[in-house]
N, C-alpha and C. Protein backbone atom coordinates (compact mmCIF):
# COMPACT_ATOMS: atom_id res chain seq x y z
N UNK A 1 -5.47 16.51 51.90
CA UNK A 1 -5.01 17.89 51.88
C UNK A 1 -5.94 18.72 52.77
N UNK A 2 -5.38 19.66 53.49
CA UNK A 2 -6.17 20.50 54.39
C UNK A 2 -7.12 21.39 53.62
N UNK A 3 -8.26 21.68 54.25
CA UNK A 3 -9.22 22.59 53.65
C UNK A 3 -8.57 23.96 53.47
N UNK A 4 -8.76 24.55 52.31
CA UNK A 4 -8.21 25.88 52.03
C UNK A 4 -6.86 25.84 51.35
N UNK A 5 -6.27 24.64 51.20
CA UNK A 5 -4.98 24.52 50.53
C UNK A 5 -5.22 24.38 49.04
N UNK A 6 -4.54 25.20 48.28
CA UNK A 6 -4.71 25.16 46.83
C UNK A 6 -3.96 23.99 46.24
N UNK A 7 -4.56 23.35 45.25
CA UNK A 7 -3.89 22.26 44.54
C UNK A 7 -3.26 22.76 43.25
N UNK A 8 -3.38 24.03 42.98
CA UNK A 8 -2.82 24.60 41.76
C UNK A 8 -1.30 24.54 41.82
N UNK A 9 -0.64 24.00 40.76
CA UNK A 9 0.83 23.91 40.79
C UNK A 9 1.50 25.28 40.79
N UNK A 10 0.81 26.32 40.34
CA UNK A 10 1.41 27.65 40.30
C UNK A 10 1.21 28.44 41.56
N UNK A 11 0.49 27.86 42.50
CA UNK A 11 0.18 28.58 43.73
C UNK A 11 1.34 28.44 44.70
N UNK A 12 1.86 29.56 45.22
CA UNK A 12 3.06 29.49 46.05
C UNK A 12 2.88 30.15 47.41
N UNK A 13 1.67 30.20 47.91
CA UNK A 13 1.41 30.75 49.24
C UNK A 13 0.81 29.65 50.10
N UNK A 14 0.94 29.79 51.42
CA UNK A 14 0.31 28.80 52.29
C UNK A 14 -1.16 29.13 52.47
N UNK A 15 -1.84 28.37 53.31
CA UNK A 15 -3.28 28.53 53.46
C UNK A 15 -3.66 29.85 54.11
N UNK A 16 -2.73 30.51 54.75
CA UNK A 16 -3.01 31.79 55.37
C UNK A 16 -2.74 32.96 54.42
N UNK A 17 -2.26 32.67 53.19
CA UNK A 17 -1.99 33.73 52.24
C UNK A 17 -0.62 34.36 52.41
N UNK A 18 0.21 33.80 53.27
CA UNK A 18 1.56 34.33 53.48
C UNK A 18 2.54 33.50 52.67
N UNK A 19 3.67 34.11 52.28
CA UNK A 19 4.69 33.37 51.57
C UNK A 19 5.42 32.46 52.53
N UNK A 20 5.59 31.19 52.14
CA UNK A 20 6.35 30.25 52.96
C UNK A 20 7.81 30.65 53.02
N UNK A 21 8.34 31.09 51.94
CA UNK A 21 9.74 31.46 51.81
C UNK A 21 9.77 32.78 51.04
N UNK A 22 10.49 33.75 51.56
CA UNK A 22 10.50 35.08 50.95
C UNK A 22 10.94 35.05 49.50
N UNK A 23 11.74 34.07 49.10
CA UNK A 23 12.24 34.04 47.74
C UNK A 23 11.54 32.99 46.88
N UNK A 24 10.58 32.28 47.44
CA UNK A 24 9.92 31.21 46.72
C UNK A 24 9.22 31.72 45.46
N UNK A 25 8.57 32.86 45.54
CA UNK A 25 7.84 33.36 44.38
C UNK A 25 8.78 33.69 43.23
N UNK A 26 10.01 34.04 43.52
CA UNK A 26 10.95 34.42 42.47
C UNK A 26 11.67 33.21 41.91
N UNK A 27 11.81 32.16 42.70
CA UNK A 27 12.59 31.01 42.28
C UNK A 27 11.78 30.00 41.46
N UNK A 28 10.48 29.97 41.66
CA UNK A 28 9.66 28.99 40.98
C UNK A 28 9.09 29.56 39.69
N UNK A 29 9.52 29.00 38.60
CA UNK A 29 9.10 29.50 37.29
C UNK A 29 7.61 29.41 37.07
N UNK A 30 6.95 28.42 37.68
CA UNK A 30 5.52 28.22 37.47
C UNK A 30 4.66 29.01 38.46
N UNK A 31 5.27 29.84 39.28
CA UNK A 31 4.52 30.59 40.29
C UNK A 31 3.72 31.72 39.65
N UNK A 32 2.43 31.80 39.98
CA UNK A 32 1.58 32.83 39.39
C UNK A 32 2.01 34.24 39.79
N UNK A 33 2.51 34.41 41.01
CA UNK A 33 2.97 35.74 41.43
C UNK A 33 4.09 36.20 40.53
N UNK A 34 5.03 35.33 40.27
CA UNK A 34 6.15 35.69 39.39
C UNK A 34 5.65 36.02 37.99
N UNK A 35 4.72 35.21 37.48
CA UNK A 35 4.19 35.45 36.14
C UNK A 35 3.48 36.80 36.05
N UNK A 36 2.71 37.12 37.07
CA UNK A 36 1.99 38.40 37.07
C UNK A 36 2.98 39.56 37.16
N UNK A 37 3.96 39.43 38.04
CA UNK A 37 4.97 40.50 38.16
C UNK A 37 5.75 40.68 36.86
N UNK A 38 6.10 39.57 36.22
CA UNK A 38 6.79 39.66 34.93
C UNK A 38 5.95 40.43 33.92
N UNK A 39 4.64 40.19 33.94
CA UNK A 39 3.74 40.82 32.98
C UNK A 39 3.56 42.30 33.25
N UNK A 40 3.22 42.65 34.49
CA UNK A 40 2.84 44.04 34.77
C UNK A 40 4.04 44.95 34.97
N UNK A 41 5.21 44.37 35.22
CA UNK A 41 6.37 45.21 35.49
C UNK A 41 7.24 45.45 34.27
N UNK A 42 6.84 44.96 33.11
CA UNK A 42 7.65 45.25 31.93
C UNK A 42 7.40 46.68 31.47
N UNK A 43 8.36 47.23 30.76
CA UNK A 43 8.29 48.67 30.44
C UNK A 43 7.08 49.04 29.59
N UNK A 44 6.66 48.16 28.68
CA UNK A 44 5.53 48.51 27.82
C UNK A 44 4.23 48.53 28.61
N UNK A 45 4.04 47.55 29.47
CA UNK A 45 2.82 47.51 30.28
C UNK A 45 2.72 48.72 31.19
N UNK A 46 3.83 49.08 31.82
CA UNK A 46 3.83 50.25 32.70
C UNK A 46 3.48 51.53 31.93
N UNK A 47 4.01 51.66 30.72
CA UNK A 47 3.71 52.84 29.92
C UNK A 47 2.24 52.88 29.49
N UNK A 48 1.70 51.74 29.10
CA UNK A 48 0.29 51.68 28.71
C UNK A 48 -0.59 52.05 29.89
N UNK A 49 -0.32 51.47 31.05
CA UNK A 49 -1.11 51.77 32.25
C UNK A 49 -1.02 53.25 32.59
N UNK A 50 0.17 53.82 32.49
CA UNK A 50 0.34 55.25 32.79
C UNK A 50 -0.44 56.12 31.81
N UNK A 51 -0.42 55.77 30.53
CA UNK A 51 -1.12 56.58 29.53
C UNK A 51 -2.64 56.49 29.64
N UNK A 52 -3.13 55.38 30.15
CA UNK A 52 -4.58 55.21 30.23
C UNK A 52 -5.18 55.76 31.52
N UNK A 53 -4.37 56.43 32.32
CA UNK A 53 -4.91 57.02 33.54
C UNK A 53 -5.98 58.05 33.20
N UNK A 54 -7.18 57.87 33.69
CA UNK A 54 -8.31 58.80 33.56
C UNK A 54 -8.75 59.07 32.13
N UNK A 55 -8.37 58.20 31.16
CA UNK A 55 -8.83 58.45 29.79
C UNK A 55 -8.81 57.17 28.97
N UNK A 56 -9.59 57.20 27.91
CA UNK A 56 -9.61 56.12 26.93
C UNK A 56 -8.74 56.56 25.76
N UNK A 57 -8.03 55.61 25.19
CA UNK A 57 -7.22 55.90 24.01
C UNK A 57 -7.43 54.81 22.97
N UNK A 58 -7.30 55.20 21.71
CA UNK A 58 -7.35 54.26 20.62
C UNK A 58 -5.95 53.67 20.43
N UNK A 59 -5.89 52.56 19.72
CA UNK A 59 -4.62 51.87 19.48
C UNK A 59 -3.59 52.83 18.85
N UNK A 60 -4.01 53.55 17.83
CA UNK A 60 -3.08 54.45 17.15
C UNK A 60 -2.58 55.57 18.07
N UNK A 61 -3.43 56.03 18.97
CA UNK A 61 -3.01 57.06 19.92
C UNK A 61 -1.97 56.51 20.89
N UNK A 62 -2.20 55.29 21.35
CA UNK A 62 -1.22 54.66 22.24
C UNK A 62 0.11 54.46 21.53
N UNK A 63 0.04 53.98 20.31
CA UNK A 63 1.29 53.73 19.55
C UNK A 63 2.05 55.02 19.31
N UNK A 64 1.34 56.08 19.03
CA UNK A 64 1.98 57.38 18.80
C UNK A 64 2.63 57.91 20.08
N UNK A 65 2.00 57.65 21.22
CA UNK A 65 2.50 58.16 22.50
C UNK A 65 3.68 57.36 23.06
N UNK A 66 3.79 56.08 22.70
CA UNK A 66 4.84 55.21 23.25
C UNK A 66 5.97 55.10 22.25
N UNK A 67 7.01 55.85 22.49
CA UNK A 67 8.16 55.88 21.60
C UNK A 67 8.88 54.53 21.58
N UNK A 68 9.07 53.97 20.40
CA UNK A 68 9.85 52.75 20.26
C UNK A 68 9.07 51.46 20.27
N UNK A 69 7.78 51.49 20.55
CA UNK A 69 7.01 50.25 20.58
C UNK A 69 6.54 49.90 19.17
N UNK A 70 6.64 48.63 18.83
CA UNK A 70 6.16 48.18 17.52
C UNK A 70 4.66 47.90 17.61
N UNK A 71 4.04 47.84 16.47
CA UNK A 71 2.61 47.54 16.42
C UNK A 71 2.34 46.18 17.05
N UNK A 72 3.18 45.20 16.74
CA UNK A 72 3.01 43.86 17.28
C UNK A 72 3.16 43.86 18.80
N UNK A 73 4.18 44.54 19.32
CA UNK A 73 4.41 44.54 20.77
C UNK A 73 3.27 45.24 21.50
N UNK A 74 2.74 46.31 20.93
CA UNK A 74 1.60 46.99 21.56
C UNK A 74 0.38 46.07 21.56
N UNK A 75 0.16 45.37 20.46
CA UNK A 75 -0.96 44.43 20.38
C UNK A 75 -0.83 43.35 21.46
N UNK A 76 0.34 42.76 21.57
CA UNK A 76 0.59 41.72 22.57
C UNK A 76 0.40 42.26 23.98
N UNK A 77 0.95 43.44 24.24
CA UNK A 77 0.84 44.06 25.56
C UNK A 77 -0.61 44.32 25.93
N UNK A 78 -1.36 44.89 25.02
CA UNK A 78 -2.77 45.17 25.29
C UNK A 78 -3.57 43.89 25.52
N UNK A 79 -3.29 42.86 24.75
CA UNK A 79 -3.99 41.58 24.93
C UNK A 79 -3.69 40.99 26.31
N UNK A 80 -2.42 41.05 26.72
CA UNK A 80 -2.05 40.52 28.04
C UNK A 80 -2.72 41.32 29.16
N UNK A 81 -2.70 42.64 29.03
CA UNK A 81 -3.33 43.47 30.06
C UNK A 81 -4.84 43.25 30.11
N UNK A 82 -5.44 43.04 28.95
CA UNK A 82 -6.88 42.75 28.91
C UNK A 82 -7.16 41.39 29.54
N UNK A 83 -6.35 40.40 29.22
CA UNK A 83 -6.52 39.06 29.79
C UNK A 83 -6.41 39.09 31.31
N UNK A 84 -5.50 39.90 31.82
CA UNK A 84 -5.28 40.00 33.27
C UNK A 84 -6.32 40.88 33.96
N UNK A 85 -7.24 41.46 33.19
CA UNK A 85 -8.30 42.26 33.78
C UNK A 85 -7.90 43.67 34.14
N UNK A 86 -6.82 44.16 33.54
CA UNK A 86 -6.31 45.50 33.85
C UNK A 86 -6.76 46.55 32.84
N UNK A 87 -7.03 46.11 31.63
CA UNK A 87 -7.45 47.00 30.55
C UNK A 87 -8.74 46.46 29.94
N UNK A 88 -9.65 47.37 29.62
CA UNK A 88 -10.91 47.01 28.96
C UNK A 88 -10.83 47.49 27.50
N UNK A 89 -11.14 46.59 26.60
CA UNK A 89 -11.15 46.89 25.16
C UNK A 89 -12.61 47.02 24.75
N UNK A 90 -12.97 48.16 24.18
CA UNK A 90 -14.34 48.40 23.74
C UNK A 90 -14.34 48.62 22.24
N UNK A 91 -15.12 47.78 21.54
CA UNK A 91 -15.26 47.89 20.09
C UNK A 91 -16.56 48.61 19.82
N UNK A 92 -16.50 49.72 19.09
CA UNK A 92 -17.69 50.48 18.72
C UNK A 92 -18.14 50.06 17.32
N UNK A 93 -19.42 49.74 17.15
CA UNK A 93 -19.91 49.22 15.86
C UNK A 93 -20.05 50.33 14.81
N UNK A 94 -18.94 50.81 14.35
CA UNK A 94 -18.94 51.83 13.30
C UNK A 94 -18.15 51.28 12.12
N UNK A 95 -18.20 51.98 11.01
CA UNK A 95 -17.41 51.60 9.84
C UNK A 95 -16.43 52.73 9.56
N UNK A 96 -15.13 52.49 9.66
CA UNK A 96 -14.50 51.27 10.16
C UNK A 96 -14.70 51.17 11.68
N UNK A 97 -14.54 49.96 12.24
CA UNK A 97 -14.73 49.79 13.68
C UNK A 97 -13.75 50.65 14.47
N UNK A 98 -14.23 51.22 15.56
CA UNK A 98 -13.38 52.01 16.45
C UNK A 98 -13.18 51.21 17.73
N UNK A 99 -11.94 51.11 18.18
CA UNK A 99 -11.62 50.36 19.39
C UNK A 99 -10.94 51.30 20.37
N UNK A 100 -11.48 51.34 21.59
CA UNK A 100 -10.90 52.15 22.66
C UNK A 100 -10.37 51.23 23.74
N UNK A 101 -9.33 51.71 24.43
CA UNK A 101 -8.76 50.99 25.57
C UNK A 101 -8.83 51.90 26.78
N UNK A 102 -9.19 51.31 27.93
CA UNK A 102 -9.28 52.06 29.18
C UNK A 102 -8.88 51.13 30.33
N UNK A 103 -8.46 51.73 31.42
CA UNK A 103 -8.16 50.93 32.60
C UNK A 103 -9.44 50.44 33.25
N UNK A 104 -9.40 49.23 33.75
CA UNK A 104 -10.50 48.70 34.56
C UNK A 104 -10.29 49.22 35.99
N UNK A 105 -11.24 49.03 36.87
CA UNK A 105 -11.00 49.40 38.27
C UNK A 105 -9.75 48.73 38.86
N UNK A 106 -9.49 47.48 38.48
CA UNK A 106 -8.27 46.81 38.92
C UNK A 106 -7.03 47.49 38.34
N UNK A 107 -7.10 47.90 37.08
CA UNK A 107 -6.00 48.62 36.44
C UNK A 107 -5.72 49.95 37.12
N UNK A 108 -6.76 50.62 37.59
CA UNK A 108 -6.59 51.88 38.31
C UNK A 108 -5.80 51.65 39.59
N UNK A 109 -6.07 50.54 40.29
CA UNK A 109 -5.31 50.26 41.51
C UNK A 109 -3.86 49.98 41.19
N UNK A 110 -3.58 49.34 40.05
CA UNK A 110 -2.20 49.12 39.63
C UNK A 110 -1.53 50.46 39.36
N UNK A 111 -2.25 51.35 38.70
CA UNK A 111 -1.68 52.67 38.41
C UNK A 111 -1.31 53.39 39.70
N UNK A 112 -2.15 53.30 40.70
CA UNK A 112 -1.85 53.94 41.99
C UNK A 112 -0.58 53.34 42.59
N UNK A 113 -0.40 52.05 42.47
CA UNK A 113 0.79 51.38 42.98
C UNK A 113 2.02 51.83 42.21
N UNK A 114 1.91 51.92 40.91
CA UNK A 114 3.02 52.38 40.07
C UNK A 114 3.40 53.82 40.44
N UNK A 115 2.39 54.65 40.69
CA UNK A 115 2.66 56.03 41.09
C UNK A 115 3.47 56.08 42.39
N UNK A 116 3.20 55.17 43.31
CA UNK A 116 3.97 55.09 44.55
C UNK A 116 5.42 54.74 44.25
N UNK A 117 5.64 53.81 43.34
CA UNK A 117 6.99 53.43 42.94
C UNK A 117 7.70 54.61 42.27
N UNK A 118 7.00 55.33 41.41
CA UNK A 118 7.58 56.50 40.74
C UNK A 118 7.95 57.57 41.77
N UNK A 119 7.09 57.79 42.75
CA UNK A 119 7.37 58.77 43.80
C UNK A 119 8.60 58.35 44.61
N UNK A 120 8.72 57.06 44.93
CA UNK A 120 9.90 56.56 45.64
C UNK A 120 11.16 56.80 44.82
N UNK A 121 11.09 56.50 43.53
CA UNK A 121 12.23 56.68 42.64
C UNK A 121 12.63 58.15 42.58
N UNK A 122 11.66 59.03 42.47
CA UNK A 122 11.92 60.47 42.43
C UNK A 122 12.59 60.94 43.72
N UNK A 123 12.09 60.46 44.85
CA UNK A 123 12.63 60.88 46.14
C UNK A 123 14.05 60.35 46.37
N UNK A 124 14.40 59.23 45.74
CA UNK A 124 15.69 58.59 46.00
C UNK A 124 16.65 58.61 44.82
N UNK A 125 16.33 59.36 43.76
CA UNK A 125 17.17 59.32 42.57
C UNK A 125 18.59 59.82 42.79
N UNK A 126 18.77 60.82 43.64
CA UNK A 126 20.13 61.32 43.91
C UNK A 126 20.97 60.28 44.63
N UNK A 127 20.38 59.63 45.62
CA UNK A 127 21.09 58.59 46.36
C UNK A 127 21.45 57.42 45.44
N UNK A 128 20.54 57.07 44.55
CA UNK A 128 20.80 55.99 43.60
C UNK A 128 21.91 56.40 42.63
N UNK A 129 21.86 57.64 42.14
CA UNK A 129 22.90 58.13 41.23
C UNK A 129 24.27 58.12 41.92
N UNK A 130 24.32 58.50 43.18
CA UNK A 130 25.59 58.49 43.93
C UNK A 130 26.09 57.06 44.10
N UNK A 131 25.20 56.13 44.40
CA UNK A 131 25.60 54.73 44.55
C UNK A 131 26.12 54.18 43.23
N UNK A 132 25.47 54.52 42.13
CA UNK A 132 25.92 54.07 40.81
C UNK A 132 27.31 54.62 40.50
N UNK A 133 27.51 55.90 40.77
CA UNK A 133 28.81 56.53 40.50
C UNK A 133 29.91 55.87 41.34
N UNK A 134 29.62 55.60 42.61
CA UNK A 134 30.60 54.94 43.48
C UNK A 134 30.91 53.54 42.97
N UNK A 135 29.91 52.83 42.56
CA UNK A 135 30.09 51.48 42.01
C UNK A 135 30.95 51.53 40.75
N UNK A 136 30.62 52.45 39.84
CA UNK A 136 31.38 52.57 38.59
C UNK A 136 32.84 52.91 38.86
N UNK A 137 33.10 53.77 39.86
CA UNK A 137 34.49 54.10 40.23
C UNK A 137 35.21 52.85 40.72
N UNK A 138 34.57 52.09 41.60
CA UNK A 138 35.20 50.86 42.12
C UNK A 138 35.49 49.87 41.00
N UNK A 139 34.54 49.73 40.09
CA UNK A 139 34.74 48.81 38.97
C UNK A 139 35.87 49.27 38.06
N UNK A 140 35.94 50.58 37.81
CA UNK A 140 37.02 51.11 36.96
C UNK A 140 38.37 50.92 37.64
N UNK A 141 38.43 51.14 38.95
CA UNK A 141 39.68 50.93 39.68
C UNK A 141 40.09 49.46 39.66
N UNK A 142 39.11 48.57 39.81
CA UNK A 142 39.39 47.15 39.78
C UNK A 142 39.90 46.73 38.40
N UNK A 143 39.25 47.24 37.34
CA UNK A 143 39.67 46.91 35.99
C UNK A 143 41.06 47.44 35.68
N UNK A 144 41.37 48.63 36.18
CA UNK A 144 42.70 49.23 35.95
C UNK A 144 43.78 48.44 36.68
N UNK A 145 43.43 47.85 37.82
CA UNK A 145 44.40 47.08 38.60
C UNK A 145 44.68 45.71 37.98
N UNK A 146 43.84 45.25 37.11
CA UNK A 146 44.02 43.94 36.48
C UNK A 146 45.06 43.94 35.45
């Protein structure tokens, strides 16, 4: 094997760091890029990252702020984000113990990326709404013709 080539089965880039095939990362279930995207792009992770911008929050504060999340799902989400190095969990030695969550420097860069996506969505929401309406009209016409 050439020097610099990864032997990891989940690795889906060539030795230059470029994708061999534009769709390879999405098609291979064992691809680390796909796994990371699945993790960070879910709605709960995005909400946690957004809420932790520039501040630390306790578990109960996060749960109160995120409408619809269960205690179990928040626990799982925080553990995954901590494992991926995006969130730092700090346990304070008090009685009862106090636990704070904050973004790591890597998590801050993710937040900046998410903000770019939110800005794109905001700038294009009317065009997207028009496309959805046109699609729904075509589908309704097709269904009526059946």
